[in-house]
Amino acid sequence: MNLFERKVPELQLCEIYKRVEAGATSGDQTLLQQWCAGFEDRDGKFVHEFQTTFNSSFWELYLHAVLKEFKFDVDYRHARPDFVVTSPHDFCIEAVTAQPVGGQPLEPGQTDEAMALLGNLNELNRRAMVRLANSFHSKVKKYRESYSALGHVRDKPFVLAVAAFDSPAFFALSTRPMEALLYNYYVDEEAFVAGERASLEGEHLVSINKDNGAPIELGMFQGPAFSEVSAIVWNPCATWGKVRTMSPMVANERVVVQSVRYNPNSHFPHHLVETKPDTSETLFDGLTVFHNPFAAFPLDPTVFQHPDVAQVYVDHSADEFVFDRREGQLLFRTLLTIVTRSS
């Protein structure tokens, strides 16, 4: 499967795809093809969708690469849900993306809207929570009306792998909107930066408002209402930047990667500046698994256990939430590419 073999006319290409196609090095394409290895295009439309929508297809490829790295066996005979894992664990994953109003893919970058959102993290997170809630409810409805009756899904852990592409600043999201959406826990980083709070302790957030003022209830995992969902897989760092950061070096380019990483010993994170090929980012970096303590069929935390994967789950022996996250986990990353052109 050649993702860069044109399948649609120029006018139908997604702007993000056109940007990626124009800038993708041979190293980028090599890495992406490695991710693709073993992926089955069940309806013959994947390359078309990759070129016309990009984000949702890229997220699905990333998930495939993650499952492959964990050495899970995936049964691709089934058209739905997206991934039916059969060994060494038995569970299903459905990929879901939060899209902007209107559904048109937004190109990330330094637009006026993106810069405004980067300067107001509460608004960035609010917008993400609204769109994520919509996507969450849509997939739960689909599970109840369709997936739950399938023999290869019934009585197994059902995981939603969620990505947010709802704004041109989606690349700056961390775990804040998902923590609020699932557990009513929200950290107001704007207040901390402004000196209005002494720490990054979270607060109980029951709901947020849509643009029209209508409230959306949060806390999907704070009761049994959504027991069908065993866990949420989330990685806002699984963007094209991960390919650029991890791909093999090519001639005439210099890539500087600036990353913000978790620091358990301070309210302030670690800041790293690295240059390819000496970058430390891994495929799993930025990945978090949020477990539902009320799941009808819980996902065992050992399924995705890895030093680079953060997990939130309940320790039933101590009756408390555990946020299992190692020092140095990736929270946010930007990169700068410098290309030297021969005269």
C-alpha atoms as a PDB file:
ATOM      1  CA  MET A   1       0.000   0.000   0.000  1.00  0.00           C
ATOM      2  CA  ASN A   2       1.628   3.217  -1.230  1.00  0.00           C
ATOM      3  CA  LEU A   3       0.094   6.115   0.686  1.00  0.00           C
ATOM      4  CA  PHE A   4       1.633   8.693  -1.633  1.00  0.00           C
ATOM      5  CA  GLU A   5       0.421   7.196  -4.909  1.00  0.00           C
ATOM      6  CA  ARG A   6      -2.165   9.698  -6.097  1.00  0.00           C
ATOM      7  CA  LYS A   7      -5.694   8.303  -5.982  1.00  0.00           C
ATOM      8  CA  VAL A   8      -7.680  11.542  -6.324  1.00  0.00           C
ATOM      9  CA  PRO A   9      -7.469  14.718  -8.426  1.00  0.00           C
ATOM     10  CA  GLU A  10      -5.474  17.652  -7.071  1.00  0.00           C
ATOM     11  CA  LEU A  11      -8.592  19.635  -6.177  1.00  0.00           C
ATOM     12  CA  GLN A  12      -9.834  16.842  -3.898  1.00  0.00           C
ATOM     13  CA  LEU A  13      -6.624  16.546  -1.871  1.00  0.00           C
ATOM     14  CA  CYS A  14      -6.795  17.529   1.784  1.00  0.00           C
ATOM     15  CA  GLU A  15      -4.664  20.582   2.563  1.00  0.00           C
ATOM     16  CA  ILE A  16      -2.896  18.703   5.344  1.00  0.00           C
ATOM     17  CA  TYR A  17      -2.072  15.857   2.999  1.00  0.00           C
ATOM     18  CA  LYS A  18      -0.702  18.270   0.393  1.00  0.00           C
ATOM     19  CA  ARG A  19       1.538  19.841   3.024  1.00  0.00           C
ATOM     20  CA  VAL A  20       2.733  16.420   4.188  1.00  0.00           C
ATOM     21  CA  GLU A  21       3.301  15.176   0.649  1.00  0.00           C
ATOM     22  CA  ALA A  22       5.330  18.260  -0.249  1.00  0.00           C
ATOM     23  CA  GLY A  23       7.559  18.015   2.821  1.00  0.00           C
ATOM     24  CA  ALA A  24       7.846  14.275   3.426  1.00  0.00           C
ATOM     25  CA  THR A  25      11.435  13.096   3.104  1.00  0.00           C
ATOM     26  CA  SER A  26      12.481   9.631   2.001  1.00  0.00           C
ATOM     27  CA  GLY A  27      13.104   8.902   5.691  1.00  0.00           C
ATOM     28  CA  ASP A  28       9.549   9.950   6.594  1.00  0.00           C
ATOM     29  CA  GLN A  29       8.093   7.744   3.883  1.00  0.00           C
ATOM     30  CA  THR A  30      10.252   4.814   4.970  1.00  0.00           C
ATOM     31  CA  LEU A  31       9.011   5.056   8.565  1.00  0.00           C
ATOM     32  CA  LEU A  32       5.389   5.428   7.508  1.00  0.00           C
ATOM     33  CA  GLN A  33       5.649   2.369   5.278  1.00  0.00           C
ATOM     34  CA  GLN A  34       7.016   0.460   8.271  1.00  0.00           C
ATOM     35  CA  TRP A  35       3.931   1.494  10.225  1.00  0.00           C
ATOM     36  CA  CYS A  36       1.770   0.271   7.328  1.00  0.00           C
ATOM     37  CA  ALA A  37       3.322  -3.197   7.185  1.00  0.00           C
ATOM     38  CA  GLY A  38       0.637  -5.780   7.943  1.00  0.00           C
ATOM     39  CA  PHE A  39      -2.211  -3.272   7.753  1.00  0.00           C
ATOM     40  CA  GLU A  40      -5.152  -4.548   5.706  1.00  0.00           C
ATOM     41  CA  ASP A  41      -7.195  -2.127   3.616  1.00  0.00           C
ATOM     42  CA  ARG A  42     -10.486  -3.971   4.011  1.00  0.00           C
ATOM     43  CA  ASP A  43     -12.631  -1.770   1.772  1.00  0.00           C
ATOM     44  CA  GLY A  44      -9.973  -0.593  -0.681  1.00  0.00           C
ATOM     45  CA  LYS A  45     -10.516   3.057   0.223  1.00  0.00           C
ATOM     46  CA  PHE A  46      -7.767   3.725   2.740  1.00  0.00           C
ATOM     47  CA  VAL A  47      -5.291   5.551   0.478  1.00  0.00           C
ATOM     48  CA  HIS A  48      -8.145   7.651  -0.921  1.00  0.00           C
ATOM     49  CA  GLU A  49      -9.206   8.636   2.607  1.00  0.00           C
ATOM     50  CA  PHE A  50      -5.600   9.264   3.644  1.00  0.00           C
ATOM     51  CA  GLN A  51      -5.266  11.788   0.831  1.00  0.00           C
ATOM     52  CA  THR A  52      -8.682  13.435   1.236  1.00  0.00           C
ATOM     53  CA  THR A  53      -9.060  13.565   5.047  1.00  0.00           C
ATOM     54  CA  PHE A  54      -5.616  12.571   6.417  1.00  0.00           C
ATOM     55  CA  ASN A  55      -6.052  12.965  10.196  1.00  0.00           C
ATOM     56  CA  SER A  56      -8.412  10.068  10.894  1.00  0.00           C
ATOM     57  CA  SER A  57      -6.465   7.753   8.570  1.00  0.00           C
ATOM     58  CA  PHE A  58      -3.141   8.755  10.130  1.00  0.00           C
ATOM     59  CA  TRP A  59      -4.561   8.034  13.608  1.00  0.00           C
ATOM     60  CA  GLU A  60      -5.648   4.568  12.464  1.00  0.00           C
ATOM     61  CA  LEU A  61      -2.179   3.870  11.055  1.00  0.00           C
ATOM     62  CA  TYR A  62      -0.590   4.971  14.307  1.00  0.00           C
ATOM     63  CA  LEU A  63      -2.832   2.610  16.276  1.00  0.00           C
ATOM     64  CA  HIS A  64      -1.912  -0.245  13.946  1.00  0.00           C
ATOM     65  CA  ALA A  65       1.771   0.502  14.539  1.00  0.00           C
ATOM     66  CA  VAL A  66       1.219   0.533  18.317  1.00  0.00           C
ATOM     67  CA  LEU A  67      -0.589  -2.817  18.309  1.00  0.00           C
ATOM     68  CA  LYS A  68       2.144  -4.275  16.114  1.00  0.00           C
ATOM     69  CA  GLU A  69       4.860  -2.968  18.445  1.00  0.00           C
ATOM     70  CA  PHE A  70       3.095  -4.683  21.347  1.00  0.00           C
ATOM     71  CA  LYS A  71       3.104  -7.879  19.223  1.00  0.00           C
ATOM     72  CA  PHE A  72      -0.677  -8.223  19.407  1.00  0.00           C
ATOM     73  CA  ASP A  73      -2.416 -10.426  16.849  1.00  0.00           C
ATOM     74  CA  VAL A  74      -5.199  -8.537  15.053  1.00  0.00           C
ATOM     75  CA  ASP A  75      -7.969 -10.325  13.172  1.00  0.00           C
ATOM     76  CA  TYR A  76      -8.649  -8.147  10.112  1.00  0.00           C
ATOM     77  CA  ARG A  77     -11.398 -10.404   8.752  1.00  0.00           C
ATOM     78  CA  HIS A  78     -13.988  -8.293  10.557  1.00  0.00           C
ATOM     79  CA  ALA A  79     -15.046  -4.979   9.021  1.00  0.00           C
ATOM     80  CA  ARG A  80     -15.915  -3.518  12.415  1.00  0.00           C
ATOM     81  CA  PRO A  81     -14.778  -2.451  14.888  1.00  0.00           C
ATOM     82  CA  ASP A  82     -11.443  -1.218  13.579  1.00  0.00           C
ATOM     83  CA  PHE A  83      -9.167  -3.622  15.486  1.00  0.00           C
ATOM     84  CA  VAL A  84     -10.127  -7.020  16.877  1.00  0.00           C
ATOM     85  CA  VAL A  85      -7.190  -8.153  18.997  1.00  0.00           C
ATOM     86  CA  THR A  86      -7.097 -11.896  19.596  1.00  0.00           C
ATOM     87  CA  SER A  87      -3.729 -12.640  21.209  1.00  0.00           C
ATOM     88  CA  PRO A  88      -2.124 -12.532  23.732  1.00  0.00           C
ATOM     89  CA  HIS A  89      -5.146 -10.561  24.960  1.00  0.00           C
ATOM     90  CA  ASP A  90      -8.712 -10.581  23.665  1.00  0.00           C
ATOM     91  CA  PHE A  91     -10.283  -7.133  23.194  1.00  0.00           C
ATOM     92  CA  CYS A  92     -11.553  -4.714  20.561  1.00  0.00           C
ATOM     93  CA  ILE A  93     -10.577  -1.163  19.649  1.00  0.00           C
ATOM     94  CA  GLU A  94     -12.614   1.394  17.767  1.00  0.00           C
ATOM     95  CA  ALA A  95     -10.789   4.462  16.453  1.00  0.00           C
ATOM     96  CA  VAL A  96     -12.657   7.742  16.826  1.00  0.00           C
ATOM     97  CA  THR A  97     -11.675  11.313  16.070  1.00  0.00           C
ATOM     98  CA  ALA A  98     -13.127  14.603  17.242  1.00  0.00           C
ATOM     99  CA  GLN A  99     -13.498  16.781  14.163  1.00  0.00           C
ATOM    100  CA  PRO A 100     -14.169  20.515  13.856  1.00  0.00           C
ATOM    101  CA  VAL A 101     -17.680  21.818  13.327  1.00  0.00           C
ATOM    102  CA  GLY A 102     -18.506  21.237   9.682  1.00  0.00           C
ATOM    103  CA  GLY A 103     -16.181  18.244   9.450  1.00  0.00           C
ATOM    104  CA  GLN A 104     -13.545  19.862   7.239  1.00  0.00           C
ATOM    105  CA  PRO A 105      -9.979  18.965   8.334  1.00  0.00           C
ATOM    106  CA  LEU A 106      -8.113  21.895   9.863  1.00  0.00           C
ATOM    107  CA  GLU A 107      -4.466  22.398   9.059  1.00  0.00           C
ATOM    108  CA  PRO A 108      -2.395  22.926  12.217  1.00  0.00           C
ATOM    109  CA  GLY A 109      -0.107  25.899  12.241  1.00  0.00           C
ATOM    110  CA  GLN A 110       0.424  29.512  13.173  1.00  0.00           C
ATOM    111  CA  THR A 111      -2.931  30.855  12.035  1.00  0.00           C
ATOM    112  CA  ASP A 112      -4.593  33.636  14.003  1.00  0.00           C
ATOM    113  CA  GLU A 113      -7.056  31.134  15.459  1.00  0.00           C
ATOM    114  CA  ALA A 114      -4.300  28.710  16.444  1.00  0.00           C
ATOM    115  CA  MET A 115      -2.250  31.418  18.121  1.00  0.00           C
ATOM    116  CA  ALA A 116      -5.297  32.674  20.019  1.00  0.00           C
ATOM    117  CA  LEU A 117      -6.008  29.182  21.342  1.00  0.00           C
ATOM    118  CA  LEU A 118      -2.372  28.630  22.296  1.00  0.00           C
ATOM    119  CA  GLY A 119      -2.683  31.783  24.380  1.00  0.00           C
ATOM    120  CA  ASN A 120      -5.836  30.540  26.101  1.00  0.00           C
ATOM    121  CA  LEU A 121      -5.481  26.921  27.156  1.00  0.00           C
ATOM    122  CA  ASN A 122      -8.833  26.903  28.944  1.00  0.00           C
ATOM    123  CA  GLU A 123     -10.613  27.758  25.702  1.00  0.00           C
ATOM    124  CA  LEU A 124      -8.516  25.216  23.794  1.00  0.00           C
ATOM    125  CA  ASN A 125      -9.489  22.530  26.310  1.00  0.00           C
ATOM    126  CA  ARG A 126     -13.152  23.599  26.450  1.00  0.00           C
ATOM    127  CA  ARG A 127     -13.517  23.297  22.704  1.00  0.00           C
ATOM    128  CA  ALA A 128     -11.800  19.919  22.749  1.00  0.00           C
ATOM    129  CA  MET A 129     -14.090  18.658  25.520  1.00  0.00           C
ATOM    130  CA  VAL A 130     -17.200  19.672  23.567  1.00  0.00           C
ATOM    131  CA  ARG A 131     -16.103  17.845  20.434  1.00  0.00           C
ATOM    132  CA  LEU A 132     -14.723  14.854  22.364  1.00  0.00           C
ATOM    133  CA  ALA A 133     -18.013  14.460  24.232  1.00  0.00           C
ATOM    134  CA  ASN A 134     -19.888  14.419  20.932  1.00  0.00           C
ATOM    135  CA  SER A 135     -17.575  11.753  19.520  1.00  0.00           C
ATOM    136  CA  PHE A 136     -17.756   9.686  22.704  1.00  0.00           C
ATOM    137  CA  HIS A 137     -21.572   9.652  22.761  1.00  0.00           C
ATOM    138  CA  SER A 138     -21.697   8.826  19.046  1.00  0.00           C
ATOM    139  CA  LYS A 139     -19.489   5.757  19.443  1.00  0.00           C
ATOM    140  CA  VAL A 140     -21.304   4.540  22.553  1.00  0.00           C
ATOM    141  CA  LYS A 141     -24.564   4.746  20.612  1.00  0.00           C
ATOM    142  CA  LYS A 142     -22.992   2.781  17.773  1.00  0.00           C
ATOM    143  CA  TYR A 143     -21.792   0.123  20.214  1.00  0.00           C
ATOM    144  CA  ARG A 144     -25.228  -0.231  21.781  1.00  0.00           C
ATOM    145  CA  GLU A 145     -27.092  -0.355  18.467  1.00  0.00           C
ATOM    146  CA  SER A 146     -24.622  -2.410  16.435  1.00  0.00           C
ATOM    147  CA  TYR A 147     -21.310  -3.622  17.817  1.00  0.00           C
ATOM    148  CA  SER A 148     -22.696  -5.233  20.987  1.00  0.00           C
ATOM    149  CA  ALA A 149     -24.552  -7.828  18.923  1.00  0.00           C
ATOM    150  CA  LEU A 150     -21.432  -9.012  17.082  1.00  0.00           C
ATOM    151  CA  GLY A 151     -20.028 -12.331  18.242  1.00  0.00           C
ATOM    152  CA  HIS A 152     -16.417 -11.169  18.019  1.00  0.00           C
ATOM    153  CA  VAL A 153     -17.219  -8.138  20.219  1.00  0.00           C
ATOM    154  CA  ARG A 154     -19.693  -9.474  22.760  1.00  0.00           C
ATOM    155  CA  ASP A 155     -18.423 -10.034  26.318  1.00  0.00           C
ATOM    156  CA  LYS A 156     -14.974  -8.559  25.590  1.00  0.00           C
ATOM    157  CA  PRO A 157     -13.281  -5.345  26.690  1.00  0.00           C
ATOM    158  CA  PHE A 158     -14.205  -2.570  24.261  1.00  0.00           C
ATOM    159  CA  VAL A 159     -11.705   0.290  23.954  1.00  0.00           C
ATOM    160  CA  LEU A 160     -12.147   3.646  22.256  1.00  0.00           C
ATOM    161  CA  ALA A 161      -8.949   5.073  20.771  1.00  0.00           C
ATOM    162  CA  VAL A 162      -9.665   8.790  20.666  1.00  0.00           C
ATOM    163  CA  ALA A 163      -7.866  11.626  18.897  1.00  0.00           C
ATOM    164  CA  ALA A 164      -8.852  15.297  18.749  1.00  0.00           C
ATOM    165  CA  PHE A 165      -8.428  17.244  15.517  1.00  0.00           C
ATOM    166  CA  ASP A 166     -11.070  19.817  16.360  1.00  0.00           C
ATOM    167  CA  SER A 167      -8.967  22.982  16.137  1.00  0.00           C
ATOM    168  CA  PRO A 168      -5.821  24.250  14.380  1.00  0.00           C
ATOM    169  CA  ALA A 169      -4.070  24.019  17.765  1.00  0.00           C
ATOM    170  CA  PHE A 170      -4.937  20.360  18.430  1.00  0.00           C
ATOM    171  CA  PHE A 171      -1.222  19.505  18.545  1.00  0.00           C
ATOM    172  CA  ALA A 172      -0.956  21.428  21.846  1.00  0.00           C
ATOM    173  CA  LEU A 173      -3.503  19.323  23.731  1.00  0.00           C
ATOM    174  CA  SER A 174      -2.248  17.243  26.623  1.00  0.00           C
ATOM    175  CA  THR A 175      -4.244  15.059  29.025  1.00  0.00           C
ATOM    176  CA  ARG A 176      -6.319  17.910  30.536  1.00  0.00           C
ATOM    177  CA  PRO A 177      -9.476  17.665  28.402  1.00  0.00           C
ATOM    178  CA  MET A 178      -9.630  13.873  28.669  1.00  0.00           C
ATOM    179  CA  GLU A 179      -9.136  13.904  32.452  1.00  0.00           C
ATOM    180  CA  ALA A 180     -12.085  16.282  32.755  1.00  0.00           C
ATOM    181  CA  LEU A 181     -14.251  14.434  30.267  1.00  0.00           C
ATOM    182  CA  LEU A 182     -13.819  11.091  32.013  1.00  0.00           C
ATOM    183  CA  TYR A 183     -13.177  11.868  35.682  1.00  0.00           C
ATOM    184  CA  ASN A 184     -14.464  15.447  36.307  1.00  0.00           C
ATOM    185  CA  TYR A 185     -10.840  16.427  37.051  1.00  0.00           C
ATOM    186  CA  TYR A 186      -9.537  19.626  35.482  1.00  0.00           C
ATOM    187  CA  VAL A 187      -6.230  21.438  35.947  1.00  0.00           C
ATOM    188  CA  ASP A 188      -6.426  25.164  35.197  1.00  0.00           C
ATOM    189  CA  GLU A 189      -2.929  25.841  33.885  1.00  0.00           C
ATOM    190  CA  GLU A 190      -3.847  29.388  32.899  1.00  0.00           C
ATOM    191  CA  ALA A 191      -4.530  30.235  36.551  1.00  0.00           C
ATOM    192  CA  PHE A 192      -1.224  28.695  37.608  1.00  0.00           C
ATOM    193  CA  VAL A 193       0.766  30.595  34.977  1.00  0.00           C
ATOM    194  CA  ALA A 194      -0.983  33.820  36.004  1.00  0.00           C
ATOM    195  CA  GLY A 195       0.042  33.261  39.623  1.00  0.00           C
ATOM    196  CA  GLU A 196      -3.539  32.792  40.798  1.00  0.00           C
ATOM    197  CA  ARG A 197      -2.778  29.307  42.090  1.00  0.00           C
ATOM    198  CA  ALA A 198       0.255  27.980  43.877  1.00  0.00           C
ATOM    199  CA  SER A 199       0.098  24.471  42.417  1.00  0.00           C
ATOM    200  CA  LEU A 200      -1.231  22.442  39.530  1.00  0.00           C
ATOM    201  CA  GLU A 201      -3.797  20.647  41.644  1.00  0.00           C
ATOM    202  CA  GLY A 202      -6.979  19.902  39.746  1.00  0.00           C
ATOM    203  CA  GLU A 203     -10.529  20.902  40.583  1.00  0.00           C
ATOM    204  CA  HIS A 204     -13.850  19.106  40.287  1.00  0.00           C
ATOM    205  CA  LEU A 205     -15.461  20.119  36.991  1.00  0.00           C
ATOM    206  CA  VAL A 206     -19.019  18.871  36.497  1.00  0.00           C
ATOM    207  CA  SER A 207     -19.818  20.374  33.109  1.00  0.00           C
ATOM    208  CA  ILE A 208     -18.706  22.756  30.384  1.00  0.00           C
ATOM    209  CA  ASN A 209     -20.731  24.857  27.987  1.00  0.00           C
ATOM    210  CA  LYS A 210     -21.069  24.719  24.242  1.00  0.00           C
ATOM    211  CA  ASP A 211     -20.668  27.907  22.228  1.00  0.00           C
ATOM    212  CA  ASN A 212     -24.424  28.473  22.543  1.00  0.00           C
ATOM    213  CA  GLY A 213     -24.283  28.153  26.326  1.00  0.00           C
ATOM    214  CA  ALA A 214     -25.848  24.692  26.534  1.00  0.00           C
ATOM    215  CA  PRO A 215     -24.130  22.587  29.221  1.00  0.00           C
ATOM    216  CA  ILE A 216     -22.414  19.268  28.553  1.00  0.00           C
ATOM    217  CA  GLU A 217     -22.103  16.919  31.489  1.00  0.00           C
ATOM    218  CA  LEU A 218     -18.647  15.498  32.159  1.00  0.00           C
ATOM    219  CA  GLY A 219     -17.427  12.505  34.161  1.00  0.00           C
ATOM    220  CA  MET A 220     -18.188   9.634  31.760  1.00  0.00           C
ATOM    221  CA  PHE A 221     -16.202   7.213  33.924  1.00  0.00           C
ATOM    222  CA  GLN A 222     -17.561   8.414  37.268  1.00  0.00           C
ATOM    223  CA  GLY A 223     -20.505   6.031  37.267  1.00  0.00           C
ATOM    224  CA  PRO A 224     -21.949   2.997  35.445  1.00  0.00           C
ATOM    225  CA  ALA A 225     -23.720   4.960  32.682  1.00  0.00           C
ATOM    226  CA  PHE A 226     -21.058   4.072  30.105  1.00  0.00           C
ATOM    227  CA  SER A 227     -19.959   0.672  31.375  1.00  0.00           C
ATOM    228  CA  GLU A 228     -19.704  -0.560  27.758  1.00  0.00           C
ATOM    229  CA  VAL A 229     -16.462   1.378  27.333  1.00  0.00           C
ATOM    230  CA  SER A 230     -13.596  -0.397  29.069  1.00  0.00           C
ATOM    231  CA  ALA A 231     -10.917   2.239  28.482  1.00  0.00           C
ATOM    232  CA  ILE A 232      -9.857   5.204  26.382  1.00  0.00           C
ATOM    233  CA  VAL A 233      -6.558   5.267  24.476  1.00  0.00           C
ATOM    234  CA  TRP A 234      -5.335   8.827  23.913  1.00  0.00           C
ATOM    235  CA  ASN A 235      -2.220  10.365  22.377  1.00  0.00           C
ATOM    236  CA  PRO A 236      -2.306  14.024  21.254  1.00  0.00           C
ATOM    237  CA  CYS A 237       1.371  13.675  20.279  1.00  0.00           C
ATOM    238  CA  ALA A 238       0.526  11.107  17.583  1.00  0.00           C
ATOM    239  CA  THR A 239       0.730  13.651  14.792  1.00  0.00           C
ATOM    240  CA  TRP A 240       2.876  14.017  11.693  1.00  0.00           C
ATOM    241  CA  GLY A 241       5.470  15.509  14.062  1.00  0.00           C
ATOM    242  CA  LYS A 242       6.048  12.027  15.496  1.00  0.00           C
ATOM    243  CA  VAL A 243       6.976  10.744  12.044  1.00  0.00           C
ATOM    244  CA  ARG A 244       9.283  13.703  11.443  1.00  0.00           C
ATOM    245  CA  THR A 245      10.927  13.241  14.848  1.00  0.00           C
ATOM    246  CA  MET A 246      11.420   9.477  14.634  1.00  0.00           C
ATOM    247  CA  SER A 247      12.178   9.010  10.924  1.00  0.00           C
ATOM    248  CA  PRO A 248      15.653   8.249   9.559  1.00  0.00           C
ATOM    249  CA  MET A 249      17.846  11.253   8.868  1.00  0.00           C
ATOM    250  CA  VAL A 250      18.282  12.404   5.270  1.00  0.00           C
ATOM    251  CA  ALA A 251      20.913  14.630   3.699  1.00  0.00           C
ATOM    252  CA  ASN A 252      20.607  18.410   3.727  1.00  0.00           C
ATOM    253  CA  GLU A 253      18.176  18.639   6.630  1.00  0.00           C
ATOM    254  CA  ARG A 254      18.564  19.587  10.275  1.00  0.00           C
ATOM    255  CA  VAL A 255      15.631  18.889  12.586  1.00  0.00           C
ATOM    256  CA  VAL A 256      15.507  20.500  16.046  1.00  0.00           C
ATOM    257  CA  VAL A 257      12.956  18.968  18.424  1.00  0.00           C
ATOM    258  CA  GLN A 258      11.786  20.814  21.528  1.00  0.00           C
ATOM    259  CA  SER A 259       9.788  18.693  23.961  1.00  0.00           C
ATOM    260  CA  VAL A 260       8.010  19.235  27.261  1.00  0.00           C
ATOM    261  CA  ARG A 261       8.138  16.179  29.497  1.00  0.00           C
ATOM    262  CA  TYR A 262       6.602  15.147  32.792  1.00  0.00           C
ATOM    263  CA  ASN A 263       8.525  16.082  35.926  1.00  0.00           C
ATOM    264  CA  PRO A 264       7.112  14.488  39.112  1.00  0.00           C
ATOM    265  CA  ASN A 265       9.428  16.552  41.295  1.00  0.00           C
ATOM    266  CA  SER A 266       8.206  19.992  40.287  1.00  0.00           C
ATOM    267  CA  HIS A 267       5.195  21.926  39.039  1.00  0.00           C
ATOM    268  CA  PHE A 268       7.371  22.801  36.060  1.00  0.00           C
ATOM    269  CA  PRO A 269       8.053  20.131  33.410  1.00  0.00           C
ATOM    270  CA  HIS A 270      11.347  19.154  31.867  1.00  0.00           C
ATOM    271  CA  HIS A 271      12.244  21.015  28.670  1.00  0.00           C
ATOM    272  CA  LEU A 272      14.460  19.169  26.194  1.00  0.00           C
ATOM    273  CA  VAL A 273      16.050  20.387  22.990  1.00  0.00           C
ATOM    274  CA  GLU A 274      17.350  17.611  20.746  1.00  0.00           C
ATOM    275  CA  THR A 275      18.572  17.332  17.181  1.00  0.00           C
ATOM    276  CA  LYS A 276      18.021  14.396  14.832  1.00  0.00           C
ATOM    277  CA  PRO A 277      19.202  11.725  14.768  1.00  0.00           C
ATOM    278  CA  ASP A 278      19.804  12.022  18.532  1.00  0.00           C
ATOM    279  CA  THR A 279      16.151  12.297  19.554  1.00  0.00           C
ATOM    280  CA  SER A 280      14.653  10.279  22.379  1.00  0.00           C
ATOM    281  CA  GLU A 281      11.013  10.113  21.259  1.00  0.00           C
ATOM    282  CA  THR A 282       9.494   6.650  20.864  1.00  0.00           C
ATOM    283  CA  LEU A 283       6.356   5.337  19.199  1.00  0.00           C
ATOM    284  CA  PHE A 284       4.571   5.098  22.560  1.00  0.00           C
ATOM    285  CA  ASP A 285       5.626   8.522  23.833  1.00  0.00           C
ATOM    286  CA  GLY A 286       2.581  10.601  24.771  1.00  0.00           C
ATOM    287  CA  LEU A 287       0.259   7.576  24.947  1.00  0.00           C
ATOM    288  CA  THR A 288      -2.152   7.415  27.893  1.00  0.00           C
ATOM    289  CA  VAL A 289      -4.722   4.716  28.697  1.00  0.00           C
ATOM    290  CA  PHE A 290      -7.663   5.857  30.824  1.00  0.00           C
ATOM    291  CA  HIS A 291      -9.479   2.918  32.430  1.00  0.00           C
ATOM    292  CA  ASN A 292     -13.165   2.864  33.336  1.00  0.00           C
ATOM    293  CA  PRO A 293     -13.582   1.642  36.935  1.00  0.00           C
ATOM    294  CA  PHE A 294     -17.234   0.824  36.160  1.00  0.00           C
ATOM    295  CA  ALA A 295     -16.510  -1.178  32.991  1.00  0.00           C
ATOM    296  CA  ALA A 296     -18.651  -4.264  32.450  1.00  0.00           C
ATOM    297  CA  PHE A 297     -15.589  -5.946  30.925  1.00  0.00           C
ATOM    298  CA  PRO A 298     -12.477  -4.233  32.323  1.00  0.00           C
ATOM    299  CA  LEU A 299      -9.253  -3.986  30.381  1.00  0.00           C
ATOM    300  CA  ASP A 300      -6.387  -5.323  32.458  1.00  0.00           C
ATOM    301  CA  PRO A 301      -3.727  -2.572  32.947  1.00  0.00           C
ATOM    302  CA  THR A 302      -1.042  -5.099  32.051  1.00  0.00           C
ATOM    303  CA  VAL A 303      -2.301  -5.146  28.439  1.00  0.00           C
ATOM    304  CA  PHE A 304      -0.640  -1.814  27.630  1.00  0.00           C
ATOM    305  CA  GLN A 305       1.982  -1.906  30.339  1.00  0.00           C
ATOM    306  CA  HIS A 306       5.155  -0.220  29.122  1.00  0.00           C
ATOM    307  CA  PRO A 307       7.504   2.413  30.602  1.00  0.00           C
ATOM    308  CA  ASP A 308       6.505   4.925  27.904  1.00  0.00           C
ATOM    309  CA  VAL A 309       2.744   4.431  28.366  1.00  0.00           C
ATOM    310  CA  ALA A 310       0.897   6.305  31.114  1.00  0.00           C
ATOM    311  CA  GLN A 311      -2.213   4.741  32.624  1.00  0.00           C
ATOM    312  CA  VAL A 312      -5.012   5.873  34.915  1.00  0.00           C
ATOM    313  CA  TYR A 313      -6.853   3.126  36.758  1.00  0.00           C
ATOM    314  CA  VAL A 314      -8.300   2.174  40.145  1.00  0.00           C
ATOM    315  CA  ASP A 315      -6.285   0.136  42.599  1.00  0.00           C
ATOM    316  CA  HIS A 316      -9.158  -1.802  44.128  1.00  0.00           C
ATOM    317  CA  SER A 317      -7.013  -3.129  46.981  1.00  0.00           C
ATOM    318  CA  ALA A 318      -6.393   0.437  48.165  1.00  0.00           C
ATOM    319  CA  ASP A 319      -9.641   1.879  46.750  1.00  0.00           C
ATOM    320  CA  GLU A 320      -7.857   4.764  45.054  1.00  0.00           C
ATOM    321  CA  PHE A 321      -7.038   6.105  41.610  1.00  0.00           C
ATOM    322  CA  VAL A 322      -3.541   5.482  40.319  1.00  0.00           C
ATOM    323  CA  PHE A 323      -1.900   7.747  37.740  1.00  0.00           C
ATOM    324  CA  ASP A 324       0.956   5.544  36.579  1.00  0.00           C
ATOM    325  CA  ARG A 325       3.284   7.842  34.660  1.00  0.00           C
ATOM    326  CA  ARG A 326       7.054   7.756  34.471  1.00  0.00           C
ATOM    327  CA  GLU A 327       9.322  10.764  34.671  1.00  0.00           C
ATOM    328  CA  GLY A 328      10.052  12.128  31.232  1.00  0.00           C
ATOM    329  CA  GLN A 329       6.828  11.093  29.519  1.00  0.00           C
ATOM    330  CA  LEU A 330       6.147  13.297  26.515  1.00  0.00           C
ATOM    331  CA  LEU A 331       3.506  15.983  27.061  1.00  0.00           C
ATOM    332  CA  PHE A 332       4.082  18.303  24.124  1.00  0.00           C
ATOM    333  CA  ARG A 333       6.513  18.614  21.247  1.00  0.00           C
ATOM    334  CA  THR A 334       7.383  21.085  18.500  1.00  0.00           C
ATOM    335  CA  LEU A 335       9.997  20.788  15.819  1.00  0.00           C
ATOM    336  CA  LEU A 336      11.867  23.000  13.421  1.00  0.00           C
ATOM    337  CA  THR A 337      13.257  21.714  10.129  1.00  0.00           C
ATOM    338  CA  ILE A 338      16.140  23.523   8.473  1.00  0.00           C
ATOM    339  CA  VAL A 339      16.799  22.478   4.885  1.00  0.00           C
ATOM    340  CA  THR A 340      20.117  23.295   3.229  1.00  0.00           C
ATOM    341  CA  ARG A 341      19.728  23.761  -0.522  1.00  0.00           C
ATOM    342  CA  SER A 342      22.667  23.502  -2.872  1.00  0.00           C
ATOM    343  CA  SER A 343      23.371  26.630  -4.923  1.00  0.00           C
END
